[in-house]
């Protein structure tokens, strides 16, 4: 059995010497970081004894610098919108990056979960990015938390980040309402006012009540706008004399709301000039004409028209009797005054 010592050298080590044990063996322990980086030749030299000559042998060991411990990357999650309806799709852009311009590009996979979605997994591209597409109607209504989880690699730890998206139900597609126009009369004179009743309604008993504004135009009037009432109705009042004489086309326009499109409808009204019957009241002062008198023979005649008017009046008077010897006998006397 070999006895004696063995010595380990090489690789930048300080020489280590050990006695062989009872089986002719020995074990050297080299602390981490003691060997130089590169290909090291380790030499073990045997001292020899009375039975064995001194000898040596070598072994090759490659020493490298270990990679740095993984860092925690920056994970950015950017939805294309913070608020959508169930009728809209959504994209979610994801970027995984290290710190500094010289940091290695992140590799691996990212997984999107949350909002009632089935998990989606994508591989990062050459710039450490990925984009998820979420189909319309896939997210639950409400405030959804979307979570993106990064798998990590030799340079970066696994990590995750979240983003919030509000999902609402879109309003219904507006429909065309029924617009009803009812004038209080189909024919009036310029001396009469007119009311126009308007009703805007949806289809069916469960249809929402229309809201918004209706505007009345036509017939030479200034446009009038009113707000629909709680039952979808409104009423316009047109003063006497406001409408033009003739056949007037009145148009009511509805502005529309979230449930109904804009709409309009017309109605015709015949407007005429009224026939006026004038009543006249005539009063006068009595006069007594003395024979031969040339003054004091005047009577004041007053004519009153109802209704009042600017018109001409022709008056005719007659002398019904004359005393004996009068120059002018009975007969008609005519005179006029405007």
Protein backbone atom coordinates (compact mmCIF):
# COMPACT_ATOMS: atom_id res chain seq x y z
CA UNK A 1 0.00 0.00 0.00
CA UNK A 2 1.35 3.41 -0.99
CA UNK A 3 2.19 5.78 1.81
CA UNK A 4 3.53 9.30 1.84
CA UNK A 5 2.11 12.60 0.63
CA UNK A 6 0.45 14.07 -2.47
CA UNK A 7 0.61 17.72 -3.46
CA UNK A 8 -1.93 19.62 -5.63
CA UNK A 9 -0.79 22.58 -7.72
CA UNK A 10 -1.93 24.59 -10.79
CA UNK A 11 -4.90 26.75 -11.70
CA UNK A 12 -3.54 29.61 -9.67
CA UNK A 13 -3.81 27.62 -6.47
CA UNK A 14 -1.50 27.76 -3.50
CA UNK A 15 0.01 24.27 -3.31
CA UNK A 16 -1.90 21.90 -1.03
CA UNK A 17 -0.25 18.79 0.49
CA UNK A 18 -2.04 15.86 2.15
CA UNK A 19 -1.00 12.50 3.60
CA UNK A 20 -2.36 9.43 1.90
CA UNK A 21 -4.84 7.53 4.05
CA UNK A 22 -4.77 3.83 4.87
CA UNK A 23 -6.11 2.99 1.43
CA UNK A 24 -3.53 5.12 -0.40
CA UNK A 25 -6.05 7.92 -1.11
CA UNK A 26 -6.52 11.60 -0.38
CA UNK A 27 -9.14 14.26 -1.28
CA UNK A 28 -8.48 17.94 -1.90
CA UNK A 29 -11.15 20.64 -1.51
CA UNK A 30 -10.73 23.77 -3.59
CA UNK A 31 -12.86 26.72 -2.35
CA UNK A 32 -15.08 28.52 -4.92
CA UNK A 33 -13.27 31.30 -6.70
CA UNK A 34 -9.78 29.85 -6.03
CA UNK A 35 -9.19 28.64 -9.59
CA UNK A 36 -8.49 31.08 -12.40
CA UNK A 37 -11.09 31.51 -15.14
CA UNK A 38 -10.17 29.46 -18.20
CA UNK A 39 -8.77 25.98 -18.80
CA UNK A 40 -6.76 25.02 -15.72
CA UNK A 41 -4.26 22.15 -15.51
CA UNK A 42 -4.26 20.63 -12.04
CA UNK A 43 -1.17 18.60 -11.14
CA UNK A 44 -0.96 16.09 -8.31
CA UNK A 45 2.60 15.02 -7.30
CA UNK A 46 3.29 11.87 -5.20
CA UNK A 47 6.33 12.02 -2.88
CA UNK A 48 7.14 8.31 -3.16
CA UNK A 49 8.24 5.87 -0.42
CA UNK A 50 10.47 2.80 0.00
CA UNK A 51 8.13 0.83 -2.19
CA UNK A 52 7.10 3.40 -4.82
CA UNK A 53 8.91 6.05 -6.81
CA UNK A 54 7.73 9.67 -6.81
CA UNK A 55 5.34 10.44 -9.69
CA UNK A 56 2.75 12.96 -10.87
CA UNK A 57 -0.35 13.25 -13.03
CA UNK A 58 -2.60 16.03 -14.34
CA UNK A 59 -6.27 16.78 -14.93
CA UNK A 60 -7.91 19.57 -16.94
CA UNK A 61 -10.68 21.73 -15.44
CA UNK A 62 -12.54 24.53 -17.30
CA UNK A 63 -13.53 27.43 -15.08
CA UNK A 64 -16.10 30.05 -16.22
CA UNK A 65 -17.68 33.10 -14.69
CA UNK A 66 -21.23 32.26 -13.53
CA UNK A 67 -24.14 34.25 -15.11
CA UNK A 68 -25.52 37.05 -12.96
CA UNK A 69 -28.58 36.18 -10.85
CA UNK A 70 -31.88 36.87 -12.63
CA UNK A 71 -33.21 40.43 -12.26
CA UNK A 72 -36.85 41.46 -11.92
CA UNK A 73 -37.92 42.97 -15.25
CA UNK A 74 -40.32 45.82 -15.93
CA UNK A 75 -43.66 44.48 -17.21
CA UNK A 76 -45.87 47.03 -18.99
CA UNK A 77 -49.53 46.22 -19.76
CA UNK A 78 -51.35 48.68 -22.06
CA UNK A 79 -54.98 48.07 -23.13
CA UNK A 80 -56.06 49.88 -26.31
CA UNK A 81 -58.84 51.54 -24.29
CA UNK A 82 -59.72 51.86 -20.62
CA UNK A 83 -63.46 51.66 -21.38
CA UNK A 84 -65.29 49.61 -24.01
CA UNK A 85 -68.73 48.14 -24.68
CA UNK A 86 -69.48 44.45 -25.15
CA UNK A 87 -69.74 45.20 -28.88
CA UNK A 88 -66.09 46.28 -29.11
CA UNK A 89 -62.86 44.22 -29.27
CA UNK A 90 -59.81 45.08 -27.18
CA UNK A 91 -56.07 44.72 -27.72
CA UNK A 92 -53.59 44.48 -24.85
CA UNK A 93 -49.95 45.39 -25.62
CA UNK A 94 -47.33 43.82 -23.34
CA UNK A 95 -43.63 44.71 -23.03
CA UNK A 96 -41.05 42.98 -20.78
CA UNK A 97 -37.76 44.86 -20.41
CA UNK A 98 -34.66 45.03 -18.27
CA UNK A 99 -33.02 48.07 -16.73
CA UNK A 100 -30.74 50.11 -18.97
CA UNK A 101 -29.99 50.11 -22.69
CA UNK A 102 -27.50 47.23 -22.38
CA UNK A 103 -29.92 44.91 -20.60
CA UNK A 104 -30.61 41.65 -22.47
CA UNK A 105 -33.90 41.35 -24.34
CA UNK A 106 -36.45 39.38 -22.38
CA UNK A 107 -37.47 36.00 -23.81
CA UNK A 108 -40.10 33.50 -22.79
CA UNK A 109 -43.88 33.65 -22.65
CA UNK A 110 -46.59 35.92 -21.26
CA UNK A 111 -50.10 34.81 -20.25
CA UNK A 112 -53.24 36.97 -20.11
CA UNK A 113 -56.02 36.13 -17.65
CA UNK A 114 -58.98 37.85 -15.96
CA UNK A 115 -62.25 39.46 -17.02
CA UNK A 116 -63.86 36.07 -17.56
CA UNK A 117 -61.36 35.19 -20.33
CA UNK A 118 -59.93 31.81 -21.15
CA UNK A 119 -56.18 32.21 -20.48
CA UNK A 120 -54.16 33.24 -23.55
CA UNK A 121 -50.40 32.60 -23.79
CA UNK A 122 -48.00 34.19 -26.29
CA UNK A 123 -44.25 34.05 -26.92
CA UNK A 124 -42.40 37.35 -26.65
CA UNK A 125 -41.05 38.65 -29.96
CA UNK A 126 -37.48 39.79 -30.66
CA UNK A 127 -38.04 43.06 -28.84
CA UNK A 128 -39.58 41.50 -25.73
CA UNK A 129 -43.15 42.39 -26.67
CA UNK A 130 -46.47 40.68 -27.43
CA UNK A 131 -50.01 41.81 -28.25
CA UNK A 132 -53.19 40.03 -27.18
CA UNK A 133 -56.49 40.45 -29.06
CA UNK A 134 -59.72 40.02 -27.07
CA UNK A 135 -62.85 39.51 -29.18
CA UNK A 136 -65.94 41.68 -28.68
CA UNK A 137 -68.21 40.26 -25.99
CA UNK A 138 -65.47 38.13 -24.35
CA UNK A 139 -65.02 40.34 -21.27
CA UNK A 140 -67.62 40.44 -18.52
CA UNK A 141 -69.64 43.62 -17.96
CA UNK A 142 -68.19 45.73 -15.13
CA UNK A 143 -64.69 46.69 -14.05
CA UNK A 144 -62.37 43.89 -15.19
CA UNK A 145 -58.84 43.31 -13.88
CA UNK A 146 -56.61 41.91 -16.63
CA UNK A 147 -53.46 40.16 -15.40
CA UNK A 148 -50.39 39.48 -17.54
CA UNK A 149 -47.88 36.95 -16.11
CA UNK A 150 -44.31 36.62 -17.46
CA UNK A 151 -42.69 33.16 -17.28
CA UNK A 152 -39.16 34.45 -16.66
CA UNK A 153 -35.84 33.19 -18.16
CA UNK A 154 -32.18 32.90 -17.17
CA UNK A 155 -31.84 36.70 -17.08
CA UNK A 156 -35.18 37.70 -15.57
CA UNK A 157 -37.43 36.51 -12.79
CA UNK A 158 -41.06 35.66 -13.38
CA UNK A 159 -43.33 38.61 -12.67
CA UNK A 160 -46.84 39.91 -13.34
CA UNK A 161 -48.77 43.17 -13.73
CA UNK A 162 -52.41 44.24 -14.10
CA UNK A 163 -54.57 46.74 -15.96
CA UNK A 164 -58.19 47.77 -15.42
CA UNK A 165 -60.82 47.93 -18.16
CA UNK A 166 -64.44 49.04 -17.73
CA UNK A 167 -66.92 47.10 -19.88
CA UNK A 168 -70.47 48.35 -20.43
CA UNK A 169 -73.49 47.18 -22.42
CA UNK A 170 -73.94 49.36 -25.55
CA UNK A 171 -77.19 51.30 -25.96
CA UNK A 172 -79.73 49.77 -28.38
CA UNK A 173 -79.63 50.79 -32.03
CA UNK A 174 -82.03 53.75 -32.48
CA UNK A 175 -85.28 52.96 -34.34
CA UNK A 176 -87.58 55.23 -36.33
CA UNK A 177 -90.50 56.49 -34.19
CA UNK A 178 -94.08 57.14 -35.23
CA UNK A 179 -94.80 60.90 -35.41
CA UNK A 180 -98.44 62.03 -35.26
CA UNK A 181 -99.53 65.64 -35.95
CA UNK A 182 -103.08 66.77 -35.17
CA UNK A 183 -104.09 70.42 -35.82
CA UNK A 184 -107.15 71.57 -33.86
CA UNK A 185 -108.84 72.40 -37.18
CA UNK A 186 -108.12 71.76 -40.85
CA UNK A 187 -109.44 75.19 -41.86
CA UNK A 188 -109.31 78.49 -39.97
CA UNK A 189 -109.48 82.21 -40.65
CA UNK A 190 -106.78 84.72 -39.87
CA UNK A 191 -108.90 85.76 -36.88
CA UNK A 192 -108.57 82.33 -35.25
CA UNK A 193 -105.70 80.74 -33.29
CA UNK A 194 -104.62 77.15 -33.93
CA UNK A 195 -103.19 74.43 -31.69
CA UNK A 196 -101.11 71.57 -33.07
CA UNK A 197 -100.89 68.40 -30.95
CA UNK A 198 -97.83 66.19 -31.50
CA UNK A 199 -97.18 62.63 -30.32
CA UNK A 200 -93.89 60.74 -30.82
CA UNK A 201 -94.13 57.01 -30.07
CA UNK A 202 -92.14 53.81 -30.39
CA UNK A 203 -93.40 50.47 -31.63
CA UNK A 204 -95.16 48.24 -29.10
CA UNK A 205 -96.34 48.73 -25.54
CA UNK A 206 -92.90 48.01 -24.06
CA UNK A 207 -91.09 50.55 -26.23
CA UNK A 208 -89.33 53.34 -24.28
CA UNK A 209 -91.01 56.75 -24.26
CA UNK A 210 -89.28 59.12 -26.70
CA UNK A 211 -87.54 62.13 -25.20
CA UNK A 212 -86.05 65.29 -26.62
CA UNK A 213 -87.31 68.22 -28.65
CA UNK A 214 -89.86 68.81 -31.42
CA UNK A 215 -89.88 71.88 -33.68
CA UNK A 216 -92.82 73.36 -35.62
CA UNK A 217 -92.16 75.28 -38.86
CA UNK A 218 -94.06 76.37 -41.97
CA UNK A 219 -96.96 78.64 -42.79
CA UNK A 220 -94.80 81.73 -42.40
CA UNK A 221 -94.47 81.34 -38.62
CA UNK A 222 -91.28 81.69 -36.61
CA UNK A 223 -90.01 78.21 -35.68
CA UNK A 224 -91.24 76.99 -32.29
CA UNK A 225 -89.39 74.31 -30.25
CA UNK A 226 -90.79 72.51 -27.21
CA UNK A 227 -89.70 69.55 -25.08
CA UNK A 228 -91.69 66.32 -25.23
CA UNK A 229 -93.64 65.51 -22.10
CA UNK A 230 -93.44 62.33 -20.02
CA UNK A 231 -95.73 60.49 -22.44
CA UNK A 232 -93.93 61.65 -25.59
CA UNK A 233 -96.46 64.38 -26.43
CA UNK A 234 -96.28 68.14 -26.97
CA UNK A 235 -98.60 70.95 -28.07
CA UNK A 236 -97.95 74.10 -30.08
CA UNK A 237 -100.15 77.22 -30.02
CA UNK A 238 -100.21 79.47 -33.10
CA UNK A 239 -101.65 82.92 -32.50
CA UNK A 240 -104.45 84.28 -34.69
CA UNK A 241 -103.09 85.99 -37.78
CA UNK A 242 -99.69 84.24 -37.61
CA UNK A 243 -100.32 81.83 -40.47
CA UNK A 244 -100.21 82.96 -44.08
CA UNK A 245 -103.48 83.00 -46.04
CA UNK A 246 -103.80 79.93 -48.26
CA UNK A 247 -102.95 76.25 -47.84
CA UNK A 248 -100.15 76.09 -45.27
CA UNK A 249 -97.91 73.05 -44.79
CA UNK A 250 -96.92 72.70 -41.15
CA UNK A 251 -93.85 70.53 -40.45
CA UNK A 252 -92.99 69.01 -37.08
CA UNK A 253 -89.39 67.76 -36.74
CA UNK A 254 -88.29 65.42 -33.93
CA UNK A 255 -84.62 65.70 -32.90
CA UNK A 256 -84.23 62.05 -31.83
CA UNK A 257 -82.60 60.53 -28.72
CA UNK A 258 -80.61 57.41 -27.72
CA UNK A 259 -83.52 55.13 -28.59
CA UNK A 260 -85.03 56.86 -31.63
CA UNK A 261 -83.76 58.47 -34.81
CA UNK A 262 -84.75 61.97 -35.91
CA UNK A 263 -88.04 62.13 -37.82
CA UNK A 264 -90.47 64.65 -39.28
CA UNK A 265 -94.03 64.82 -40.54
CA UNK A 266 -96.33 67.40 -42.13
CA UNK A 267 -99.96 68.47 -41.98
CA UNK A 268 -101.86 71.06 -44.03
CA UNK A 269 -104.18 73.80 -42.81
CA UNK A 270 -106.35 76.07 -44.95
CA UNK A 271 -106.24 79.70 -43.81
CA UNK A 272 -108.76 82.24 -45.16
CA UNK A 273 -109.65 85.89 -44.56
CA UNK A 274 -112.85 86.19 -42.50
CA UNK A 275 -115.98 87.88 -43.94
CA UNK A 276 -116.83 90.94 -41.84
CA UNK A 277 -120.40 92.28 -41.57
CA UNK A 278 -120.32 95.94 -40.56
CA UNK A 279 -123.13 97.37 -38.35
CA UNK A 280 -123.72 101.11 -38.49
CA UNK A 281 -125.42 103.27 -35.88
CA UNK A 282 -126.62 106.73 -37.02
CA UNK A 283 -127.51 109.55 -34.67
CA UNK A 284 -128.24 113.22 -35.43
CA UNK A 285 -129.48 116.40 -33.92
CA UNK A 286 -132.92 117.73 -34.85
CA UNK A 287 -133.09 121.04 -36.69
CA UNK A 288 -136.02 123.39 -37.17
CA UNK A 289 -135.67 125.60 -40.19
CA UNK A 290 -137.38 128.99 -39.93
CA UNK A 291 -138.75 130.53 -43.06
CA UNK A 292 -136.13 132.69 -44.70
CA UNK A 293 -133.44 131.67 -42.21
CA UNK A 294 -129.96 131.28 -43.63
CA UNK A 295 -128.20 130.17 -40.45
CA UNK A 296 -128.88 127.64 -37.72
CA UNK A 297 -130.08 125.14 -40.25
CA UNK A 298 -127.37 122.53 -39.51
CA UNK A 299 -127.81 119.07 -38.00
CA UNK A 300 -124.81 116.99 -36.77
CA UNK A 301 -125.05 113.42 -38.01
CA UNK A 302 -122.82 110.73 -36.28
CA UNK A 303 -122.21 107.34 -37.91
CA UNK A 304 -120.60 104.57 -35.78
CA UNK A 305 -119.32 101.34 -37.44
CA UNK A 306 -119.12 98.04 -35.55
CA UNK A 307 -116.48 96.65 -35.82
CA UNK A 308 -114.59 99.83 -36.47
CA UNK A 309 -113.34 100.36 -39.99
CA UNK A 310 -111.76 102.91 -42.27
CA UNK A 311 -114.47 103.21 -44.89
CA UNK A 312 -116.70 105.64 -46.80
CA UNK A 313 -120.34 106.28 -45.82
CA UNK A 314 -123.00 107.75 -48.11
CA UNK A 315 -125.94 109.41 -46.33
CA UNK A 316 -129.22 110.27 -48.03
CA UNK A 317 -131.84 112.56 -46.44
CA UNK A 318 -135.30 113.57 -47.50
CA UNK A 319 -137.58 116.48 -46.66
CA UNK A 320 -140.90 114.90 -45.95
CA UNK A 321 -143.02 118.11 -45.70
CA UNK A 322 -142.66 121.83 -46.17
CA UNK A 323 -144.81 124.75 -44.99
CA UNK A 324 -146.81 126.70 -47.50
CA UNK A 325 -144.70 129.09 -49.47
CA UNK A 326 -141.44 127.17 -48.95
CA UNK A 327 -138.94 127.47 -51.75
CA UNK A 328 -137.94 123.79 -51.54
CA UNK A 329 -140.67 121.21 -51.33
CA UNK A 330 -140.59 117.57 -50.32
CA UNK A 331 -137.93 115.41 -51.99
CA UNK A 332 -134.54 113.74 -51.49
CA UNK A 333 -131.52 115.56 -50.20
CA UNK A 334 -128.20 113.81 -50.70
CA UNK A 335 -124.86 114.57 -49.14
CA UNK A 336 -121.77 112.56 -48.20
CA UNK A 337 -118.79 112.65 -45.90
CA UNK A 338 -115.89 110.22 -45.60
